[in-house]
Amino acid sequence: MSAFSDALSVSSSGLRAQADRLRVVSENIANVDTPGYRRKTLPFELGEGSDGVREVQAGDMRLDRSDLERIWDPHHPLAGPAGFYDGTNVDLIVELADAREAQRSYEANLKMFEQTRQMSSSLMDLLRRG
């Protein structure tokens, strides 16, 4: 396998991983006010692609086991006898920061993909002229 196709494979695996991460962050943001919702996280792992190149892959989704927010609202349908119910453990600021980081990482992988494709195309042009 050529170095160009290896680089394209690595950057495309990064694109897929960051897209998966953004999907999970979007789910967390969408459920920021859902009672009982636990924040999801998506770890990354190094794996081997079909062509033997080491690639980044999204691991198994995990639930954040930190405590859920306790909310006092005796009129809420989920409130217990003491007037409390379980909120969520999603922090909107953390999710927005994660979304921004995933976006920047996605853009960096896309730039690498485009640069590699451009270099490959330039090399092919040079070889045709020679």
N, C-alpha and C. Protein backbone atom coordinates (compact mmCIF):
# COMPACT_ATOMS: atom_id res chain seq x y z
N MET A 1 0.84 -1.17 0.00
CA MET A 1 0.00 0.00 0.00
C MET A 1 0.88 1.23 0.00
N SER A 2 0.54 2.23 -0.77
CA SER A 2 1.36 3.43 -0.86
C SER A 2 1.18 4.32 0.36
N ALA A 3 2.14 5.20 0.56
CA ALA A 3 2.07 6.14 1.68
C ALA A 3 0.86 7.06 1.53
N PHE A 4 0.51 7.38 0.29
CA PHE A 4 -0.66 8.25 0.08
C PHE A 4 -1.95 7.58 0.53
N SER A 5 -2.13 6.34 0.14
CA SER A 5 -3.37 5.66 0.53
C SER A 5 -3.39 5.39 2.04
N ASP A 6 -2.21 5.16 2.64
CA ASP A 6 -2.15 5.00 4.09
C ASP A 6 -2.58 6.29 4.79
N ALA A 7 -2.08 7.42 4.31
CA ALA A 7 -2.43 8.71 4.90
C ALA A 7 -3.92 8.99 4.72
N LEU A 8 -4.47 8.67 3.55
CA LEU A 8 -5.90 8.86 3.33
C LEU A 8 -6.73 7.97 4.26
N SER A 9 -6.25 6.76 4.48
CA SER A 9 -6.95 5.83 5.35
C SER A 9 -6.95 6.33 6.80
N VAL A 10 -5.81 6.83 7.26
CA VAL A 10 -5.70 7.34 8.63
C VAL A 10 -6.60 8.56 8.82
N SER A 11 -6.53 9.50 7.88
CA SER A 11 -7.34 10.72 8.04
C SER A 11 -8.84 10.42 7.91
N SER A 12 -9.21 9.49 7.05
CA SER A 12 -10.64 9.16 6.94
C SER A 12 -11.14 8.44 8.20
N SER A 13 -10.27 7.66 8.85
CA SER A 13 -10.69 7.04 10.12
C SER A 13 -10.89 8.11 11.19
N GLY A 14 -10.05 9.15 11.17
CA GLY A 14 -10.23 10.26 12.10
C GLY A 14 -11.53 11.00 11.83
N LEU A 15 -11.88 11.16 10.56
CA LEU A 15 -13.14 11.82 10.20
C LEU A 15 -14.33 11.03 10.73
N ARG A 16 -14.29 9.71 10.55
CA ARG A 16 -15.39 8.87 11.03
C ARG A 16 -15.50 8.93 12.56
N ALA A 17 -14.36 8.86 13.24
CA ALA A 17 -14.37 8.88 14.70
C ALA A 17 -14.91 10.20 15.25
N GLN A 18 -14.49 11.30 14.66
CA GLN A 18 -14.98 12.60 15.13
C GLN A 18 -16.45 12.79 14.79
N ALA A 19 -16.91 12.27 13.67
CA ALA A 19 -18.34 12.34 13.34
C ALA A 19 -19.16 11.55 14.37
N ASP A 20 -18.66 10.38 14.77
CA ASP A 20 -19.34 9.59 15.81
C ASP A 20 -19.37 10.35 17.13
N ARG A 21 -18.25 10.98 17.46
CA ARG A 21 -18.17 11.76 18.70
C ARG A 21 -19.17 12.91 18.68
N LEU A 22 -19.28 13.59 17.55
CA LEU A 22 -20.22 14.70 17.43
C LEU A 22 -21.66 14.23 17.57
N ARG A 23 -21.94 13.04 17.07
CA ARG A 23 -23.29 12.48 17.20
C ARG A 23 -23.63 12.26 18.68
N VAL A 24 -22.69 11.72 19.45
CA VAL A 24 -22.92 11.46 20.87
C VAL A 24 -23.07 12.78 21.63
N VAL A 25 -22.23 13.76 21.32
CA VAL A 25 -22.33 15.07 21.97
C VAL A 25 -23.69 15.70 21.65
N SER A 26 -24.15 15.56 20.42
CA SER A 26 -25.46 16.10 20.02
C SER A 26 -26.59 15.45 20.82
N GLU A 27 -26.49 14.15 21.03
CA GLU A 27 -27.51 13.46 21.84
C GLU A 27 -27.51 13.99 23.26
N ASN A 28 -26.31 14.22 23.81
CA ASN A 28 -26.23 14.75 25.17
C ASN A 28 -26.85 16.14 25.26
N ILE A 29 -26.55 16.99 24.28
CA ILE A 29 -27.11 18.34 24.29
C ILE A 29 -28.63 18.30 24.14
N ALA A 30 -29.12 17.43 23.28
CA ALA A 30 -30.56 17.32 23.07
C ALA A 30 -31.29 16.85 24.32
N ASN A 31 -30.60 16.13 25.19
CA ASN A 31 -31.23 15.57 26.40
C ASN A 31 -30.82 16.28 27.68
N VAL A 32 -30.32 17.51 27.56
CA VAL A 32 -29.83 18.24 28.73
C VAL A 32 -30.94 18.46 29.77
N ASP A 33 -32.18 18.48 29.36
CA ASP A 33 -33.30 18.69 30.29
C ASP A 33 -34.16 17.44 30.50
N THR A 34 -33.69 16.29 30.05
CA THR A 34 -34.46 15.05 30.18
C THR A 34 -34.20 14.42 31.55
N PRO A 35 -35.21 14.31 32.40
CA PRO A 35 -35.01 13.70 33.72
C PRO A 35 -34.48 12.28 33.62
N GLY A 36 -33.47 11.98 34.43
CA GLY A 36 -32.90 10.63 34.48
C GLY A 36 -31.90 10.31 33.38
N TYR A 37 -31.65 11.25 32.48
CA TYR A 37 -30.72 10.99 31.37
C TYR A 37 -29.28 11.05 31.87
N ARG A 38 -28.49 10.05 31.49
CA ARG A 38 -27.07 10.03 31.83
C ARG A 38 -26.24 10.39 30.61
N ARG A 39 -25.25 11.22 30.83
CA ARG A 39 -24.35 11.67 29.77
C ARG A 39 -23.63 10.47 29.16
N LYS A 40 -23.51 10.48 27.83
CA LYS A 40 -22.80 9.43 27.12
C LYS A 40 -21.41 9.93 26.75
N THR A 41 -20.44 9.03 26.78
CA THR A 41 -19.08 9.35 26.34
C THR A 41 -18.64 8.30 25.33
N LEU A 42 -17.74 8.70 24.46
CA LEU A 42 -17.26 7.82 23.41
C LEU A 42 -15.73 7.85 23.39
N PRO A 43 -15.09 6.83 23.94
CA PRO A 43 -13.62 6.82 23.91
C PRO A 43 -13.10 6.41 22.53
N PHE A 44 -11.88 6.82 22.25
CA PHE A 44 -11.23 6.43 20.99
C PHE A 44 -10.20 5.35 21.28
N GLU A 45 -10.01 4.48 20.30
CA GLU A 45 -9.05 3.38 20.40
C GLU A 45 -8.25 3.31 19.12
N LEU A 46 -7.05 2.77 19.22
CA LEU A 46 -6.27 2.50 18.02
C LEU A 46 -6.61 1.10 17.55
N GLY A 47 -6.89 1.00 16.28
CA GLY A 47 -7.22 -0.29 15.71
C GLY A 47 -6.45 -0.48 14.41
N GLU A 48 -6.66 -1.60 13.79
CA GLU A 48 -6.00 -1.88 12.53
C GLU A 48 -7.06 -1.99 11.44
N GLY A 49 -6.87 -1.20 10.40
CA GLY A 49 -7.80 -1.21 9.28
C GLY A 49 -7.63 -2.46 8.43
N SER A 50 -8.46 -2.59 7.42
CA SER A 50 -8.43 -3.77 6.55
C SER A 50 -7.13 -3.87 5.76
N ASP A 51 -6.46 -2.72 5.56
CA ASP A 51 -5.21 -2.73 4.81
C ASP A 51 -3.98 -2.80 5.72
N GLY A 52 -4.19 -3.05 7.01
CA GLY A 52 -3.08 -3.21 7.95
C GLY A 52 -2.56 -1.90 8.52
N VAL A 53 -3.17 -0.79 8.19
CA VAL A 53 -2.75 0.51 8.70
C VAL A 53 -3.43 0.77 10.04
N ARG A 54 -2.67 1.30 11.00
CA ARG A 54 -3.25 1.64 12.30
C ARG A 54 -4.17 2.85 12.13
N GLU A 55 -5.38 2.73 12.65
CA GLU A 55 -6.39 3.77 12.50
C GLU A 55 -7.04 4.05 13.85
N VAL A 56 -7.61 5.22 13.97
CA VAL A 56 -8.37 5.56 15.16
C VAL A 56 -9.81 5.10 14.95
N GLN A 57 -10.38 4.53 16.01
CA GLN A 57 -11.75 4.04 15.94
C GLN A 57 -12.49 4.46 17.20
N ALA A 58 -13.77 4.66 17.07
CA ALA A 58 -14.60 4.94 18.24
C ALA A 58 -14.79 3.63 19.00
N GLY A 59 -14.61 3.70 20.31
CA GLY A 59 -14.80 2.52 21.15
C GLY A 59 -16.26 2.34 21.51
N ASP A 60 -16.51 1.56 22.52
CA ASP A 60 -17.88 1.33 22.99
C ASP A 60 -18.37 2.54 23.77
N MET A 61 -19.60 2.94 23.49
CA MET A 61 -20.19 4.07 24.18
C MET A 61 -20.35 3.73 25.66
N ARG A 62 -20.07 4.72 26.51
CA ARG A 62 -20.18 4.52 27.95
C ARG A 62 -21.13 5.57 28.53
N LEU A 63 -21.74 5.21 29.65
CA LEU A 63 -22.58 6.15 30.37
C LEU A 63 -21.78 6.75 31.52
N ASP A 64 -21.88 8.05 31.70
CA ASP A 64 -21.23 8.75 32.80
C ASP A 64 -21.95 8.36 34.09
N ARG A 65 -21.25 7.76 35.02
CA ARG A 65 -21.87 7.26 36.25
C ARG A 65 -21.88 8.29 37.37
N SER A 66 -21.54 9.54 37.08
CA SER A 66 -21.59 10.56 38.13
C SER A 66 -23.05 10.77 38.56
N ASP A 67 -23.20 11.35 39.73
CA ASP A 67 -24.54 11.52 40.30
C ASP A 67 -25.41 12.41 39.42
N LEU A 68 -26.68 12.05 39.37
CA LEU A 68 -27.66 12.88 38.67
C LEU A 68 -28.01 14.07 39.57
N GLU A 69 -28.35 15.18 38.94
CA GLU A 69 -28.75 16.36 39.68
C GLU A 69 -30.07 16.08 40.40
N ARG A 70 -30.16 16.44 41.68
CA ARG A 70 -31.40 16.30 42.44
C ARG A 70 -32.15 17.62 42.35
N ILE A 71 -33.36 17.58 41.84
CA ILE A 71 -34.15 18.80 41.62
C ILE A 71 -35.38 18.76 42.52
N TRP A 72 -35.60 19.86 43.22
CA TRP A 72 -36.78 19.96 44.08
C TRP A 72 -37.89 20.67 43.34
N ASP A 73 -38.94 19.95 43.06
CA ASP A 73 -40.14 20.51 42.42
C ASP A 73 -41.29 19.58 42.80
N PRO A 74 -41.97 19.89 43.91
CA PRO A 74 -43.01 18.98 44.39
C PRO A 74 -44.18 18.80 43.42
N HIS A 75 -44.31 19.69 42.43
CA HIS A 75 -45.42 19.58 41.47
C HIS A 75 -45.05 18.79 40.22
N HIS A 76 -43.77 18.40 40.10
CA HIS A 76 -43.34 17.63 38.93
C HIS A 76 -43.90 16.21 39.02
N PRO A 77 -44.35 15.64 37.90
CA PRO A 77 -44.95 14.29 37.96
C PRO A 77 -43.98 13.20 38.42
N LEU A 78 -42.67 13.42 38.27
CA LEU A 78 -41.70 12.41 38.70
C LEU A 78 -41.22 12.62 40.14
N ALA A 79 -41.67 13.69 40.79
CA ALA A 79 -41.21 13.99 42.14
C ALA A 79 -41.70 12.94 43.13
N GLY A 80 -40.81 12.60 44.05
CA GLY A 80 -41.18 11.65 45.10
C GLY A 80 -41.90 12.36 46.23
N PRO A 81 -42.14 11.64 47.32
CA PRO A 81 -42.87 12.22 48.46
C PRO A 81 -42.16 13.45 49.05
N ALA A 82 -40.84 13.51 48.96
CA ALA A 82 -40.10 14.66 49.49
C ALA A 82 -40.06 15.82 48.50
N GLY A 83 -40.56 15.63 47.28
CA GLY A 83 -40.61 16.70 46.31
C GLY A 83 -39.43 16.74 45.36
N PHE A 84 -38.53 15.75 45.43
CA PHE A 84 -37.34 15.72 44.58
C PHE A 84 -37.50 14.70 43.44
N TYR A 85 -36.82 14.99 42.34
CA TYR A 85 -36.69 14.00 41.26
C TYR A 85 -35.28 14.11 40.68
N ASP A 86 -34.87 13.04 39.97
CA ASP A 86 -33.52 13.01 39.38
C ASP A 86 -33.53 13.76 38.05
N GLY A 87 -32.61 14.71 37.94
CA GLY A 87 -32.43 15.44 36.68
C GLY A 87 -31.47 14.69 35.79
N THR A 88 -30.50 15.39 35.26
CA THR A 88 -29.51 14.79 34.37
C THR A 88 -28.11 15.15 34.88
N ASN A 89 -27.10 14.47 34.37
CA ASN A 89 -25.72 14.82 34.72
C ASN A 89 -24.99 15.45 33.53
N VAL A 90 -25.74 15.96 32.56
CA VAL A 90 -25.17 16.62 31.39
C VAL A 90 -24.87 18.07 31.75
N ASP A 91 -23.63 18.50 31.52
CA ASP A 91 -23.24 19.89 31.71
C ASP A 91 -23.12 20.52 30.32
N LEU A 92 -23.98 21.47 30.04
CA LEU A 92 -24.04 22.06 28.70
C LEU A 92 -22.71 22.69 28.29
N ILE A 93 -22.00 23.32 29.21
CA ILE A 93 -20.72 23.95 28.90
C ILE A 93 -19.70 22.90 28.46
N VAL A 94 -19.66 21.79 29.17
CA VAL A 94 -18.74 20.70 28.81
C VAL A 94 -19.09 20.15 27.44
N GLU A 95 -20.37 19.97 27.16
CA GLU A 95 -20.80 19.43 25.88
C GLU A 95 -20.46 20.38 24.73
N LEU A 96 -20.65 21.67 24.95
CA LEU A 96 -20.30 22.64 23.91
C LEU A 96 -18.79 22.66 23.66
N ALA A 97 -18.00 22.53 24.71
CA ALA A 97 -16.54 22.46 24.54
C ALA A 97 -16.15 21.19 23.79
N ASP A 98 -16.78 20.06 24.12
CA ASP A 98 -16.51 18.81 23.41
C ASP A 98 -16.90 18.91 21.94
N ALA A 99 -18.03 19.56 21.67
CA ALA A 99 -18.48 19.72 20.29
C ALA A 99 -17.48 20.57 19.50
N ARG A 100 -16.99 21.63 20.12
CA ARG A 100 -16.01 22.49 19.46
C ARG A 100 -14.70 21.73 19.19
N GLU A 101 -14.27 20.95 20.17
CA GLU A 101 -13.05 20.16 19.99
C GLU A 101 -13.21 19.13 18.88
N ALA A 102 -14.36 18.46 18.85
CA ALA A 102 -14.62 17.47 17.80
C ALA A 102 -14.66 18.14 16.43
N GLN A 103 -15.26 19.32 16.37
CA GLN A 103 -15.33 20.06 15.10
C GLN A 103 -13.93 20.42 14.62
N ARG A 104 -13.09 20.91 15.52
CA ARG A 104 -11.72 21.28 15.14
C ARG A 104 -10.92 20.06 14.70
N SER A 105 -11.08 18.97 15.41
CA SER A 105 -10.37 17.74 15.03
C SER A 105 -10.86 17.22 13.68
N TYR A 106 -12.16 17.32 13.44
CA TYR A 106 -12.71 16.91 12.15
C TYR A 106 -12.11 17.76 11.03
N GLU A 107 -12.06 19.08 11.25
CA GLU A 107 -11.50 19.98 10.25
C GLU A 107 -10.02 19.68 9.98
N ALA A 108 -9.26 19.35 11.03
CA ALA A 108 -7.85 19.02 10.86
C ALA A 108 -7.69 17.74 10.03
N ASN A 109 -8.51 16.73 10.30
CA ASN A 109 -8.45 15.49 9.52
C ASN A 109 -8.87 15.73 8.08
N LEU A 110 -9.85 16.58 7.87
CA LEU A 110 -10.29 16.90 6.52
C LEU A 110 -9.19 17.63 5.76
N LYS A 111 -8.50 18.54 6.42
CA LYS A 111 -7.40 19.27 5.79
C LYS A 111 -6.28 18.29 5.40
N MET A 112 -5.97 17.35 6.28
CA MET A 112 -4.94 16.35 5.97
C MET A 112 -5.37 15.50 4.77
N PHE A 113 -6.64 15.12 4.74
CA PHE A 113 -7.16 14.33 3.63
C PHE A 113 -7.00 15.10 2.32
N GLU A 114 -7.40 16.37 2.33
CA GLU A 114 -7.31 17.20 1.13
C GLU A 114 -5.86 17.42 0.70
N GLN A 115 -4.97 17.65 1.66
CA GLN A 115 -3.55 17.84 1.34
C GLN A 115 -2.95 16.58 0.72
N THR A 116 -3.27 15.43 1.28
CA THR A 116 -2.76 14.17 0.75
C THR A 116 -3.28 13.91 -0.66
N ARG A 117 -4.55 14.17 -0.86
CA ARG A 117 -5.13 13.99 -2.20
C ARG A 117 -4.48 14.94 -3.20
N GLN A 118 -4.23 16.17 -2.79
CA GLN A 118 -3.60 17.14 -3.67
C GLN A 118 -2.16 16.73 -4.00
N MET A 119 -1.42 16.25 -3.01
CA MET A 119 -0.04 15.79 -3.26
C MET A 119 -0.03 14.59 -4.20
N SER A 120 -0.97 13.67 -4.02
CA SER A 120 -1.05 12.51 -4.88
C SER A 120 -1.37 12.92 -6.32
N SER A 121 -2.28 13.86 -6.47
CA SER A 121 -2.64 14.35 -7.79
C SER A 121 -1.45 15.05 -8.46
N SER A 122 -0.72 15.85 -7.69
CA SER A 122 0.46 16.54 -8.23
C SER A 122 1.53 15.54 -8.65
N LEU A 123 1.72 14.50 -7.86
CA LEU A 123 2.70 13.47 -8.22
C LEU A 123 2.30 12.76 -9.51
N MET A 124 1.01 12.46 -9.66
CA MET A 124 0.55 11.81 -10.89
C MET A 124 0.79 12.72 -12.09
N ASP A 125 0.57 14.02 -11.95
CA ASP A 125 0.83 14.97 -13.03
C ASP A 125 2.31 14.98 -13.42
N LEU A 126 3.17 14.96 -12.39
CA LEU A 126 4.61 14.93 -12.66
C LEU A 126 5.03 13.66 -13.39
N LEU A 127 4.46 12.54 -12.99
CA LEU A 127 4.82 11.27 -13.61
C LEU A 127 4.32 11.20 -15.05
N ARG A 128 3.18 11.80 -15.34
CA ARG A 128 2.68 11.83 -16.71
C ARG A 128 3.56 12.66 -17.62
N ARG A 129 4.09 13.75 -17.10
CA ARG A 129 4.95 14.62 -17.90
C ARG A 129 6.31 14.01 -18.16
N GLY A 130 6.75 13.17 -17.22
CA GLY A 130 8.11 12.61 -17.29
C GLY A 130 8.24 11.50 -18.22
